[in-house]
Protein backbone atom coordinates (compact mmCIF):
# COMPACT_ATOMS: atom_id res chain seq x y z
CA UNK A 1 -1.54 -29.14 -19.89
CA UNK A 2 1.36 -26.94 -21.09
CA UNK A 3 2.23 -24.21 -18.68
CA UNK A 4 1.47 -20.51 -19.53
CA UNK A 5 3.96 -17.65 -19.24
CA UNK A 6 3.80 -14.75 -16.93
CA UNK A 7 4.88 -11.24 -17.86
CA UNK A 8 5.82 -8.85 -14.98
CA UNK A 9 4.89 -5.66 -16.74
CA UNK A 10 5.61 -1.96 -15.82
CA UNK A 11 2.80 0.47 -16.71
CA UNK A 12 4.80 3.54 -15.96
CA UNK A 13 4.04 6.40 -13.58
CA UNK A 14 0.55 7.45 -14.48
CA UNK A 15 0.52 9.19 -17.80
CA UNK A 16 -0.94 6.71 -20.25
CA UNK A 17 1.42 8.00 -22.97
CA UNK A 18 4.39 6.65 -20.96
CA UNK A 19 3.81 2.86 -21.26
CA UNK A 20 6.02 1.00 -23.76
CA UNK A 21 4.89 -0.79 -26.95
CA UNK A 22 6.06 -4.14 -25.66
CA UNK A 23 3.92 -3.72 -22.56
CA UNK A 24 0.70 -2.81 -24.71
CA UNK A 25 1.51 -5.92 -26.81
CA UNK A 26 1.48 -8.03 -23.65
CA UNK A 27 -1.85 -6.59 -22.56
CA UNK A 28 -3.55 -7.21 -25.86
CA UNK A 29 -2.47 -10.72 -25.94
CA UNK A 30 -3.02 -11.62 -22.42
CA UNK A 31 -5.47 -14.35 -21.28
CA UNK A 32 -5.27 -12.84 -17.68
CA UNK A 33 -4.50 -9.53 -16.37
CA UNK A 34 -3.72 -9.19 -12.64
CA UNK A 35 -3.42 -5.40 -12.05
CA UNK A 36 -2.78 -3.18 -9.02
CA UNK A 37 -4.05 0.20 -7.97
CA UNK A 38 -1.34 2.35 -9.53
CA UNK A 39 -1.85 1.23 -13.19
CA UNK A 40 -3.68 3.69 -15.34
CA UNK A 41 -7.22 2.48 -16.17
CA UNK A 42 -6.79 3.31 -19.90
CA UNK A 43 -4.28 0.36 -20.27
CA UNK A 44 -6.98 -2.25 -19.63
CA UNK A 45 -9.07 -0.85 -22.38
CA UNK A 46 -6.43 -2.46 -24.51
CA UNK A 47 -7.37 -5.90 -23.28
CA UNK A 48 -8.99 -8.61 -25.42
CA UNK A 49 -12.67 -9.14 -25.02
CA UNK A 50 -12.16 -12.55 -23.52
CA UNK A 51 -9.44 -11.47 -21.23
CA UNK A 52 -9.92 -12.00 -17.46
CA UNK A 53 -9.28 -8.94 -15.52
CA UNK A 54 -8.34 -9.32 -11.80
CA UNK A 55 -7.82 -6.37 -9.28
CA UNK A 56 -5.01 -6.97 -6.84
CA UNK A 57 -5.37 -3.48 -5.51
CA UNK A 58 -1.96 -3.08 -3.53
CA UNK A 59 -1.55 0.53 -2.27
CA UNK A 60 -0.26 2.19 0.94
CA UNK A 61 -2.35 1.26 3.87
CA UNK A 62 -4.89 -0.90 1.95
CA UNK A 63 -4.00 -4.26 0.56
CA UNK A 64 -7.06 -5.73 -1.54
CA UNK A 65 -5.06 -8.85 -1.90
CA UNK A 66 -2.07 -10.08 0.17
CA UNK A 67 1.29 -10.69 -1.64
CA UNK A 68 1.23 -14.41 -0.95
CA UNK A 69 -2.30 -14.59 -2.58
CA UNK A 70 -1.00 -12.73 -5.58
CA UNK A 71 1.79 -15.10 -6.10
CA UNK A 72 -0.59 -18.04 -5.76
CA UNK A 73 -2.86 -16.53 -8.22
CA UNK A 74 -0.05 -16.08 -10.71
CA UNK A 75 0.93 -19.69 -10.55
CA UNK A 76 -2.72 -21.04 -10.62
CA UNK A 77 -3.50 -19.02 -13.85
CA UNK A 78 -0.18 -19.98 -15.54
CA UNK A 79 -0.61 -23.67 -14.54
CA UNK A 80 -3.89 -23.54 -16.41
CA UNK A 81 -1.91 -22.71 -19.69
CA UNK A 82 -2.88 -19.19 -19.71
CA UNK A 83 -0.80 -16.28 -20.77
CA UNK A 84 -0.66 -14.05 -17.65
CA UNK A 85 0.17 -10.32 -17.39
CA UNK A 86 1.04 -8.94 -13.90
CA UNK A 87 0.56 -5.17 -14.39
CA UNK A 88 2.07 -2.89 -12.04
CA UNK A 89 2.59 0.91 -11.67
CA UNK A 90 6.04 2.22 -12.51
CA UNK A 91 8.58 -0.57 -13.01
CA UNK A 92 8.04 -4.05 -11.57
CA UNK A 93 11.47 -4.26 -10.16
CA UNK A 94 11.67 -0.91 -8.39
CA UNK A 95 10.08 -1.32 -4.94
CA UNK A 96 7.21 -3.32 -6.93
CA UNK A 97 8.01 -6.81 -5.56
CA UNK A 98 8.29 -8.23 -9.08
CA UNK A 99 11.38 -10.10 -8.13
CA UNK A 100 9.48 -11.92 -5.18
CA UNK A 101 6.83 -12.90 -7.80
CA UNK A 102 9.42 -14.05 -10.11
CA UNK A 103 11.10 -16.23 -7.61
CA UNK A 104 7.67 -17.70 -6.60
CA UNK A 105 7.10 -18.58 -10.41
CA UNK A 106 10.72 -20.16 -10.33
CA UNK A 107 9.80 -22.46 -7.62
CA UNK A 108 6.87 -23.94 -9.64
CA UNK A 109 8.96 -23.93 -12.83
CA UNK A 110 6.65 -21.43 -14.75
CA UNK A 111 8.32 -19.29 -17.49
CA UNK A 112 8.35 -15.60 -16.84
CA UNK A 113 9.54 -12.40 -18.46
CA UNK A 114 10.09 -8.81 -17.21
CA UNK A 115 8.89 -5.92 -19.36
CA UNK A 116 10.38 -2.74 -17.65
CA UNK A 117 8.39 0.26 -17.09
CA UNK A 118 9.35 3.97 -16.71
CA UNK A 119 9.89 4.73 -13.11
CA UNK A 120 8.30 7.54 -11.06
CA UNK A 121 11.77 7.94 -9.64
CA UNK A 122 12.99 9.98 -12.36
CA UNK A 123 9.92 10.59 -14.56
CA UNK A 124 7.95 12.47 -11.85
CA UNK A 125 10.71 14.99 -11.31
CA UNK A 126 11.11 15.41 -14.89
CA UNK A 127 7.37 16.43 -15.09
CA UNK A 128 8.04 18.82 -12.25
CA UNK A 129 10.97 20.40 -13.94
CA UNK A 130 13.57 18.71 -11.88
CA UNK A 131 16.31 16.75 -13.43
CA UNK A 132 17.56 14.00 -10.95
CA UNK A 133 21.20 14.63 -12.33
CA UNK A 134 22.70 17.85 -13.49
CA UNK A 135 26.34 18.81 -14.12
CA UNK A 136 27.70 20.67 -11.43
CA UNK A 137 24.76 19.92 -9.02
CA UNK A 138 24.23 16.23 -8.94
CA UNK A 139 26.32 13.57 -10.38
CA UNK A 140 24.39 10.72 -8.77
CA UNK A 141 20.78 9.89 -7.83
CA UNK A 142 19.70 7.46 -5.05
CA UNK A 143 16.39 5.75 -4.98
CA UNK A 144 15.21 4.90 -1.46
CA UNK A 145 12.02 3.42 -0.12
CA UNK A 146 10.16 5.65 2.32
CA UNK A 147 7.82 2.98 3.28
CA UNK A 148 9.43 0.16 4.88
CA UNK A 149 7.79 -2.95 6.33
CA UNK A 150 5.46 -2.20 9.21
CA UNK A 151 6.64 -3.65 12.59
CA UNK A 152 10.19 -3.90 11.39
CA UNK A 153 12.68 -3.47 14.08
CA UNK A 154 15.30 -0.90 12.95
CA UNK A 155 15.89 0.39 9.43
CA UNK A 156 17.75 -0.82 6.44
CA UNK A 157 18.18 2.77 5.19
CA UNK A 158 21.61 4.25 6.07
CA UNK A 159 20.71 7.80 6.89
CA UNK A 160 24.29 8.58 8.02
CA UNK A 161 25.69 7.85 4.53
CA UNK A 162 22.87 9.35 2.67
CA UNK A 163 23.33 12.75 4.50
CA UNK A 164 26.70 13.01 3.22
CA UNK A 165 25.80 12.15 -0.45
CA UNK A 166 25.93 15.20 -2.78
CA UNK A 167 23.69 13.51 -5.35
CA UNK A 168 19.87 13.55 -5.60
CA UNK A 169 17.86 11.65 -2.95
CA UNK A 170 14.52 10.26 -4.22
CA UNK A 171 12.24 8.74 -1.61
CA UNK A 172 9.47 6.78 -3.10
CA UNK A 173 6.14 6.39 -1.09
CA UNK A 174 7.61 8.49 1.60
CA UNK A 175 5.07 11.26 2.25
CA UNK A 176 3.63 9.80 5.49
CA UNK A 177 7.13 9.76 6.98
CA UNK A 178 8.24 12.84 5.46
CA UNK A 179 8.96 14.67 8.83
CA UNK A 180 10.76 11.73 10.25
CA UNK A 181 13.10 11.37 7.02
CA UNK A 182 13.88 15.14 6.88
CA UNK A 183 14.74 14.89 10.76
CA UNK A 184 17.01 11.95 10.39
CA UNK A 185 18.85 13.39 7.46
CA UNK A 186 19.32 16.81 9.28
CA UNK A 187 20.34 14.83 12.43
CA UNK A 188 22.98 13.11 10.43
CA UNK A 189 24.43 16.30 9.07
CA UNK A 190 22.48 17.15 5.94
CA UNK A 191 22.41 20.98 5.58
CA UNK A 192 18.96 22.28 6.61
CA UNK A 193 18.55 24.64 3.70
CA UNK A 194 19.14 21.86 1.05
CA UNK A 195 16.44 22.38 -1.67
CA UNK A 196 13.72 19.77 -1.47
CA UNK A 197 10.40 19.05 -3.41
CA UNK A 198 7.36 16.87 -3.00
CA UNK A 199 5.30 15.86 -6.02
CA UNK A 200 1.82 14.39 -5.73
CA UNK A 201 0.36 12.18 -8.49
CA UNK A 202 3.19 13.12 -10.75
CA UNK A 203 2.80 12.92 -14.79
CA UNK A 204 -1.05 13.16 -14.30
CA UNK A 205 -3.50 16.15 -14.79
CA UNK A 206 -3.65 16.37 -11.05
CA UNK A 207 0.06 16.72 -10.51
CA UNK A 208 0.84 18.96 -7.59
CA UNK A 209 4.23 20.21 -6.27
CA UNK A 210 5.56 21.75 -3.36
CA UNK A 211 9.22 22.98 -3.05
CA UNK A 212 11.21 24.33 -0.05
CA UNK A 213 14.13 23.18 1.90
CA UNK A 214 14.90 20.15 3.96
CA UNK A 215 13.94 22.22 7.21
CA UNK A 216 10.50 23.58 6.12
CA UNK A 217 9.27 21.12 3.51
CA UNK A 218 7.15 19.22 6.00
CA UNK A 219 5.23 22.38 6.86
CA UNK A 220 4.78 23.46 3.36
CA UNK A 221 3.36 19.84 2.47
CA UNK A 222 1.04 20.13 5.23
CA UNK A 223 -0.22 23.64 4.22
CA UNK A 224 -0.64 22.49 0.70
CA UNK A 225 -2.72 19.33 1.62
CA UNK A 226 -0.25 16.99 -0.31
CA UNK A 227 -1.41 13.29 0.09
CA UNK A 228 0.02 10.10 -1.44
CA UNK A 229 0.81 8.95 -4.03
CA UNK A 230 3.78 11.28 -3.96
CA UNK A 231 7.61 11.22 -4.07
CA UNK A 232 10.01 13.27 -1.80
CA UNK A 233 13.24 14.70 -3.40
CA UNK A 234 16.13 16.11 -1.77
CA UNK A 235 19.12 17.84 -3.53
CA UNK A 236 20.42 20.96 -5.20
CA UNK A 237 18.43 20.00 -8.49
CA UNK A 238 15.17 20.83 -6.73
CA UNK A 239 16.20 24.42 -7.00
CA UNK A 240 15.80 24.34 -10.79
CA UNK A 241 12.07 23.43 -10.90
CA UNK A 242 11.07 27.14 -11.50
CA UNK A 243 13.37 27.44 -14.50
CA UNK A 244 12.59 24.13 -16.13
CA UNK A 245 8.81 23.81 -15.41
CA UNK A 246 7.06 22.74 -18.69
CA UNK A 247 4.24 20.57 -17.60
CA UNK A 248 0.86 21.89 -16.54
CA UNK A 249 -0.21 23.64 -19.83
CA UNK A 250 -3.18 23.49 -21.99
CA UNK A 251 -7.03 24.37 -21.79
CA UNK A 252 -7.83 21.00 -20.38
CA UNK A 253 -4.97 20.72 -18.03
CA UNK A 254 -6.00 19.66 -14.40
CA UNK A 255 -9.06 17.80 -15.87
CA UNK A 256 -9.26 14.06 -15.61
CA UNK A 257 -11.86 12.85 -18.11
CA UNK A 258 -13.42 9.42 -18.49
CA UNK A 259 -14.16 8.29 -21.98
CA UNK A 260 -16.76 5.67 -22.42
CA UNK A 261 -17.10 5.14 -25.94
CA UNK A 262 -16.06 2.47 -28.54
CA UNK A 263 -12.26 1.96 -28.64
CA UNK A 264 -11.74 3.90 -31.98
CA UNK A 265 -13.87 6.61 -30.61
CA UNK A 266 -12.01 6.92 -27.36
CA UNK A 267 -8.55 6.64 -29.13
CA UNK A 268 -9.50 9.76 -31.34
CA UNK A 269 -10.75 11.59 -28.14
CA UNK A 270 -7.77 10.49 -26.21
CA UNK A 271 -5.31 12.01 -28.61
CA UNK A 272 -7.11 15.35 -28.69
CA UNK A 273 -7.30 15.54 -24.86
CA UNK A 274 -3.49 14.89 -24.55
CA UNK A 275 -2.92 17.78 -26.98
CA UNK A 276 -4.97 19.89 -24.74
CA UNK A 277 -3.16 18.95 -21.59
CA UNK A 278 -5.91 16.82 -20.09
CA UNK A 279 -5.69 13.27 -18.71
CA UNK A 280 -7.89 10.69 -20.42
CA UNK A 281 -9.04 7.48 -19.07
CA UNK A 282 -10.37 5.06 -21.80
CA UNK A 283 -12.98 2.76 -20.70
CA UNK A 284 -15.22 1.10 -23.44
CA UNK A 285 -18.09 -0.04 -21.38
CA UNK A 286 -19.74 -2.06 -24.22
CA UNK A 287 -18.48 -5.27 -25.91
CA UNK A 288 -19.52 -5.91 -29.39
CA UNK A 289 -20.42 -9.50 -30.43
CA UNK A 290 -21.21 -10.17 -34.13
CA UNK A 291 -23.73 -12.80 -34.97
CA UNK A 292 -22.11 -16.13 -36.32
CA UNK A 293 -20.86 -16.08 -39.87
CA UNK A 294 -23.61 -18.59 -40.65
CA UNK A 295 -26.29 -16.19 -39.75
CA UNK A 296 -24.54 -13.21 -41.18
CA UNK A 297 -24.23 -15.40 -44.43
CA UNK A 298 -27.98 -16.09 -44.55
CA UNK A 299 -28.77 -12.41 -44.48
CA UNK A 300 -26.10 -11.06 -46.67
CA UNK A 301 -24.84 -13.74 -49.23
CA UNK A 302 -26.32 -15.91 -52.04
CA UNK A 303 -25.57 -19.54 -52.09
CA UNK A 304 -22.79 -18.78 -54.49
CA UNK A 305 -21.00 -16.65 -51.87
CA UNK A 306 -21.76 -13.32 -53.62
CA UNK A 307 -23.62 -10.35 -52.01
CA UNK A 308 -27.37 -10.47 -52.29
CA UNK A 309 -28.64 -7.54 -54.69
CA UNK A 310 -29.14 -4.82 -52.05
CA UNK A 311 -29.57 -1.32 -53.53
CA UNK A 312 -29.25 0.25 -50.22
CA UNK A 313 -27.41 -0.58 -47.10
CA UNK A 314 -28.27 1.19 -43.86
CA UNK A 315 -25.87 1.57 -41.02
CA UNK A 316 -27.03 2.95 -37.54
CA UNK A 317 -23.70 3.04 -35.94
CA UNK A 318 -19.80 2.75 -36.52
CA UNK A 319 -19.96 -0.69 -34.93
CA UNK A 320 -22.20 -2.03 -37.58
CA UNK A 321 -19.90 -0.56 -40.46
CA UNK A 322 -16.93 -2.61 -38.78
CA UNK A 323 -18.91 -5.80 -38.39
CA UNK A 324 -20.26 -5.55 -42.00
CA UNK A 325 -16.79 -5.22 -43.59
CA UNK A 326 -14.95 -7.40 -41.21
CA UNK A 327 -17.59 -10.14 -42.30
CA UNK A 328 -17.20 -9.69 -46.11
CA UNK A 329 -13.34 -9.67 -45.62
CA UNK A 330 -13.42 -12.92 -43.96
CA UNK A 331 -15.71 -14.32 -46.65
CA UNK A 332 -13.29 -13.02 -49.32
CA UNK A 333 -16.32 -11.08 -50.91
CA UNK A 334 -15.00 -8.75 -53.79
CA UNK A 335 -15.62 -5.23 -52.76
CA UNK A 336 -16.48 -4.42 -56.45
CA UNK A 337 -19.74 -6.07 -55.73
CA UNK A 338 -20.57 -2.90 -53.71
CA UNK A 339 -20.05 -0.68 -56.67
CA UNK A 340 -23.73 -0.05 -57.26
CA UNK A 341 -24.77 -0.20 -53.62
CA UNK A 342 -25.74 3.17 -51.97
CA UNK A 343 -25.21 3.68 -48.26
CA UNK A 344 -27.34 5.48 -45.60
CA UNK A 345 -26.03 6.36 -42.27
CA UNK A 346 -27.44 7.87 -39.11
CA UNK A 347 -24.74 10.41 -38.34
CA UNK A 348 -21.34 11.90 -38.70
CA UNK A 349 -19.39 9.41 -36.77
CA UNK A 350 -20.97 6.55 -38.83
CA UNK A 351 -20.13 8.38 -41.88
CA UNK A 352 -16.61 8.78 -41.06
CA UNK A 353 -16.15 5.09 -40.31
CA UNK A 354 -17.74 4.17 -43.69
CA UNK A 355 -15.20 6.50 -45.38
CA UNK A 356 -12.32 4.58 -43.72
CA UNK A 357 -13.37 1.65 -45.94
CA UNK A 358 -13.29 3.66 -48.92
CA UNK A 359 -16.98 4.41 -49.37
CA UNK A 360 -19.11 7.56 -49.06
CA UNK A 361 -22.53 7.92 -47.44
CA UNK A 362 -25.29 8.71 -50.15
CA UNK A 363 -27.77 9.68 -47.48
CA UNK A 364 -27.62 11.14 -43.91
CA UNK A 365 -30.47 12.88 -42.26
CA UNK A 366 -30.01 16.39 -40.67
CA UNK A 367 -31.31 15.06 -37.40
CA UNK A 368 -29.25 12.06 -36.30
CA UNK A 369 -32.13 9.67 -35.21
CA UNK A 370 -33.52 6.37 -36.65
CA UNK A 371 -36.92 8.12 -37.12
CA UNK A 372 -35.27 10.83 -39.31
CA UNK A 373 -33.25 8.37 -41.25
CA UNK A 374 -36.34 6.22 -41.88
CA UNK A 375 -38.16 9.29 -43.08
CA UNK A 376 -35.32 10.27 -45.48
CA UNK A 377 -35.28 6.69 -46.81
CA UNK A 378 -38.99 6.76 -47.46
CA UNK A 379 -38.63 10.05 -49.44
CA UNK A 380 -35.54 8.98 -51.50
CA UNK A 381 -36.05 5.25 -52.05
CA UNK A 382 -38.44 3.74 -54.23
CA UNK A 383 -40.65 0.99 -52.70
CA UNK A 384 -39.31 -1.78 -54.96
CA UNK A 385 -35.60 -1.09 -54.25
CA UNK A 386 -34.23 -3.75 -51.68
CA UNK A 387 -32.77 -2.25 -48.54
CA UNK A 388 -30.52 -3.88 -45.94
CA UNK A 389 -31.03 -2.53 -42.39
CA UNK A 390 -27.76 -3.73 -40.66
CA UNK A 391 -28.10 -2.98 -36.97
CA UNK A 392 -27.55 -4.12 -33.31
CA UNK A 393 -29.80 -6.49 -31.84
CA UNK A 394 -30.62 -4.03 -28.84
CA UNK A 395 -31.52 -1.20 -31.40
CA UNK A 396 -34.82 0.58 -31.49
CA UNK A 397 -37.46 -0.88 -33.73
CA UNK A 398 -38.73 2.56 -34.82
CA UNK A 399 -36.80 2.58 -38.10
CA UNK A 400 -38.07 -0.84 -38.99
CA UNK A 401 -41.58 0.02 -38.10
CA UNK A 402 -41.60 3.18 -40.22
CA UNK A 403 -40.22 1.38 -43.19
CA UNK A 404 -42.86 -1.40 -42.82
CA UNK A 405 -45.55 1.38 -42.57
CA UNK A 406 -44.47 2.80 -45.88
CA UNK A 407 -44.48 -0.66 -47.62
CA UNK A 408 -40.64 -0.48 -48.22
CA UNK A 409 -38.83 -3.50 -49.42
CA UNK A 410 -36.21 -4.08 -46.51
CA UNK A 411 -34.40 -6.77 -44.79
CA UNK A 412 -33.91 -6.09 -41.07
CA UNK A 413 -30.71 -7.92 -39.94
CA UNK A 414 -29.79 -7.80 -36.25
CA UNK A 415 -26.18 -8.30 -36.98
CA UNK A 416 -24.45 -7.93 -33.60
CA UNK A 417 -25.16 -7.57 -29.92
CA UNK A 418 -23.96 -4.86 -27.56
CA UNK A 419 -23.50 -6.20 -24.02
CA UNK A 420 -22.23 -4.35 -20.97
CA UNK A 421 -18.54 -5.22 -20.27
CA UNK A 422 -19.08 -6.32 -16.53
CA UNK A 423 -15.44 -7.14 -16.20
CA UNK A 424 -14.69 -3.35 -15.91
CA UNK A 425 -17.38 -2.73 -13.11
CA UNK A 426 -14.96 -2.59 -10.21
CA UNK A 427 -12.39 -0.68 -12.25
CA UNK A 428 -15.13 1.95 -13.28
CA UNK A 429 -16.32 2.42 -9.70
CA UNK A 430 -12.78 2.89 -8.58
CA UNK A 431 -11.90 5.35 -11.41
CA UNK A 432 -15.04 7.39 -10.56
CA UNK A 433 -13.54 8.55 -7.36
CA UNK A 434 -11.16 10.81 -9.04
CA UNK A 435 -12.36 11.89 -12.40
CA UNK A 436 -13.63 15.49 -13.22
CA UNK A 437 -15.63 14.70 -16.41
CA UNK A 438 -17.30 11.86 -18.06
CA UNK A 439 -18.21 11.64 -21.87
CA UNK A 440 -20.95 9.47 -23.20
CA UNK A 441 -21.48 9.01 -26.94
CA UNK A 442 -24.45 6.58 -27.06
CA UNK A 443 -27.57 5.50 -24.90
CA UNK A 444 -26.01 2.03 -24.72
CA UNK A 445 -22.96 3.27 -22.89
CA UNK A 446 -25.21 5.28 -20.46
CA UNK A 447 -27.09 2.22 -19.59
CA UNK A 448 -23.90 -0.02 -19.15
CA UNK A 449 -22.61 2.73 -16.91
CA UNK A 450 -25.67 2.81 -14.78
CA UNK A 451 -25.66 -1.00 -14.51
CA UNK A 452 -22.07 -0.92 -13.28
CA UNK A 453 -22.45 1.94 -10.86
CA UNK A 454 -25.80 0.75 -9.15
CA UNK A 455 -25.98 1.90 -5.61
CA UNK A 456 -23.44 4.63 -6.00
CA UNK A 457 -24.39 8.17 -5.27
CA UNK A 458 -24.71 9.53 -8.77
CA UNK A 459 -24.49 13.28 -7.66
CA UNK A 460 -20.85 12.63 -6.83
CA UNK A 461 -19.83 11.75 -10.20
CA UNK A 462 -17.90 14.12 -12.55
CA UNK A 463 -19.53 16.56 -14.88
CA UNK A 464 -21.22 14.63 -17.83
CA UNK A 465 -20.77 15.60 -21.36
CA UNK A 466 -22.94 13.97 -24.04
CA UNK A 467 -22.59 13.70 -27.73
CA UNK A 468 -26.15 14.52 -28.61
CA UNK A 469 -29.84 14.86 -26.94
CA UNK A 470 -30.73 11.30 -27.46
CA UNK A 471 -27.81 10.25 -25.30
CA UNK A 472 -28.49 12.99 -22.83
CA UNK A 473 -32.17 12.19 -22.48
CA UNK A 474 -31.05 8.64 -21.63
CA UNK A 475 -28.70 9.92 -19.06
CA UNK A 476 -31.11 12.22 -17.46
CA UNK A 477 -33.72 9.35 -17.37
CA UNK A 478 -31.17 7.29 -15.50
CA UNK A 479 -30.88 10.04 -12.97
CA UNK A 480 -27.47 11.66 -14.17
CA UNK A 481 -26.90 15.33 -14.19
CA UNK A 482 -25.83 16.36 -17.68
CA UNK A 483 -23.46 19.31 -17.71
CA UNK A 484 -23.32 19.79 -21.56
CA UNK A 485 -24.82 18.46 -24.77
CA UNK A 486 -22.41 18.91 -27.72
CA UNK A 487 -23.60 21.59 -30.19
CA UNK A 488 -22.01 19.60 -33.00
CA UNK A 489 -22.59 15.78 -32.74
CA UNK A 490 -19.17 14.55 -33.61
CA UNK A 491 -15.77 13.91 -31.56
CA UNK A 492 -14.67 17.46 -32.19
CA UNK A 493 -18.17 18.54 -30.87
CA UNK A 494 -17.33 16.50 -27.76
CA UNK A 495 -13.95 18.11 -27.37
CA UNK A 496 -15.33 21.70 -27.78
CA UNK A 497 -18.13 20.91 -25.06
CA UNK A 498 -15.39 19.52 -22.67
CA UNK A 499 -13.33 22.80 -22.95
CA UNK A 500 -16.50 24.78 -22.29
CA UNK A 501 -17.39 22.78 -19.17
CA UNK A 502 -13.75 23.19 -17.99
CA UNK A 503 -13.93 26.88 -18.53
CA UNK A 504 -17.51 27.76 -17.65
CA UNK A 505 -18.94 24.92 -15.54
CA UNK A 506 -22.42 23.52 -16.34
CA UNK A 507 -24.18 24.74 -19.58
CA UNK A 508 -27.70 23.29 -19.96
CA UNK A 509 -29.13 26.02 -22.19
CA UNK A 510 -27.43 25.05 -25.55
CA UNK A 511 -29.83 24.17 -28.39
CA UNK A 512 -30.27 20.53 -28.97
CA UNK A 513 -30.54 18.57 -32.24
CA UNK A 514 -30.16 14.90 -32.77
CA UNK A 515 -27.01 12.88 -32.67
CA UNK A 516 -25.09 10.16 -34.37
């Protein structure tokens, strides 16, 4: 078997917007992704539906997998002919042990490539208003590990030389040894009142910074409750932070928000949350599996390959819209065959998705439920007009039952399945430890979420915001406490609700209507 290739990929410091285009391309094309604790959860939402996701979980004080085990795993997966991404926080070659993994791959003759990432060494200070170099203050920058190998006799860090440097000193992973590092620098002659700063969770919504001097920075860090991951910065440039502070703005700043919808939906929400200063984690919990082309052809096409003569096509979700149009494109069906077809949709999101393909919805109920849509069809469609109900296999049978009761001429086609993406269960459980709000845009996402978090204390989750009352009712039935149901059942409605919850806390008194 031909050997695969391994990509040692840097995911950047935490802000999902700081990953490179090449890194995203690698993630999207990977057969296997082996990721660590520092990579943003959003990146894994870009993985293919069949990609294998493996958590290596290396962080200070806790190693989910030993380094030797990671190297063996990289080798094994590549030997199977797979395209492997080793996803690391920051840059893989700056204290990321990427070079050790590359050497291990060399020994086995496995091809590999490095995709550099933005390092926290300079990006985190930049988000804190601290340039690591500045004319007249610092003409050099020195990056030092603050976390040397446990049990090591002596130190490879030359504090005597560092104390005499006029440039900026950046200690990565050094918070637990902050006092020791400061003491050694002062002991070697560094001036006590040299400006210093410590930045926790830099480039994220939970960024927290403390400034001071080399002499008092440890006390200030302890008073502020700073904890890893954080960087320690020493040098005159730390004194510029007050003047150059630009981060930490927007009505959602400080809020980490988990987005559980479909990929197109969470991409839209993510951009808006970024604009408002929040930090979004994209985690689509449902995988969409279309039926085989053979089954779809039986339901949609004549023997000639033309579309069957439907007067109406009914879509109950944006997923259905995409599955339908992807199929007729694969079959090279001329879109002009849809010229006389009218479309019915269940809500704003589905209508918007249909519009992306150049078609307008002819019918949409005021209340966004299957029952309401069925009633609208009964009132607006004659019994002889052929209707195609294009839906998920797991969808409610209520619409079909109402159309049947009315004697409507319809075809019920279960065109795709929605299945919980259990690859993300461990990732989800880890992410929930540090999110402030969670959005749900469908009952199926709620159910998948609850399956993946079975056994966890649901009272400890972030505040939950739902796109509509059907989703909210499902969440409450599953034992989740819903903080807010959107007043307008669209992505913009969700954004408005997130801002309200961020500002006011829980609000369960809003009027409810139905959802998309």
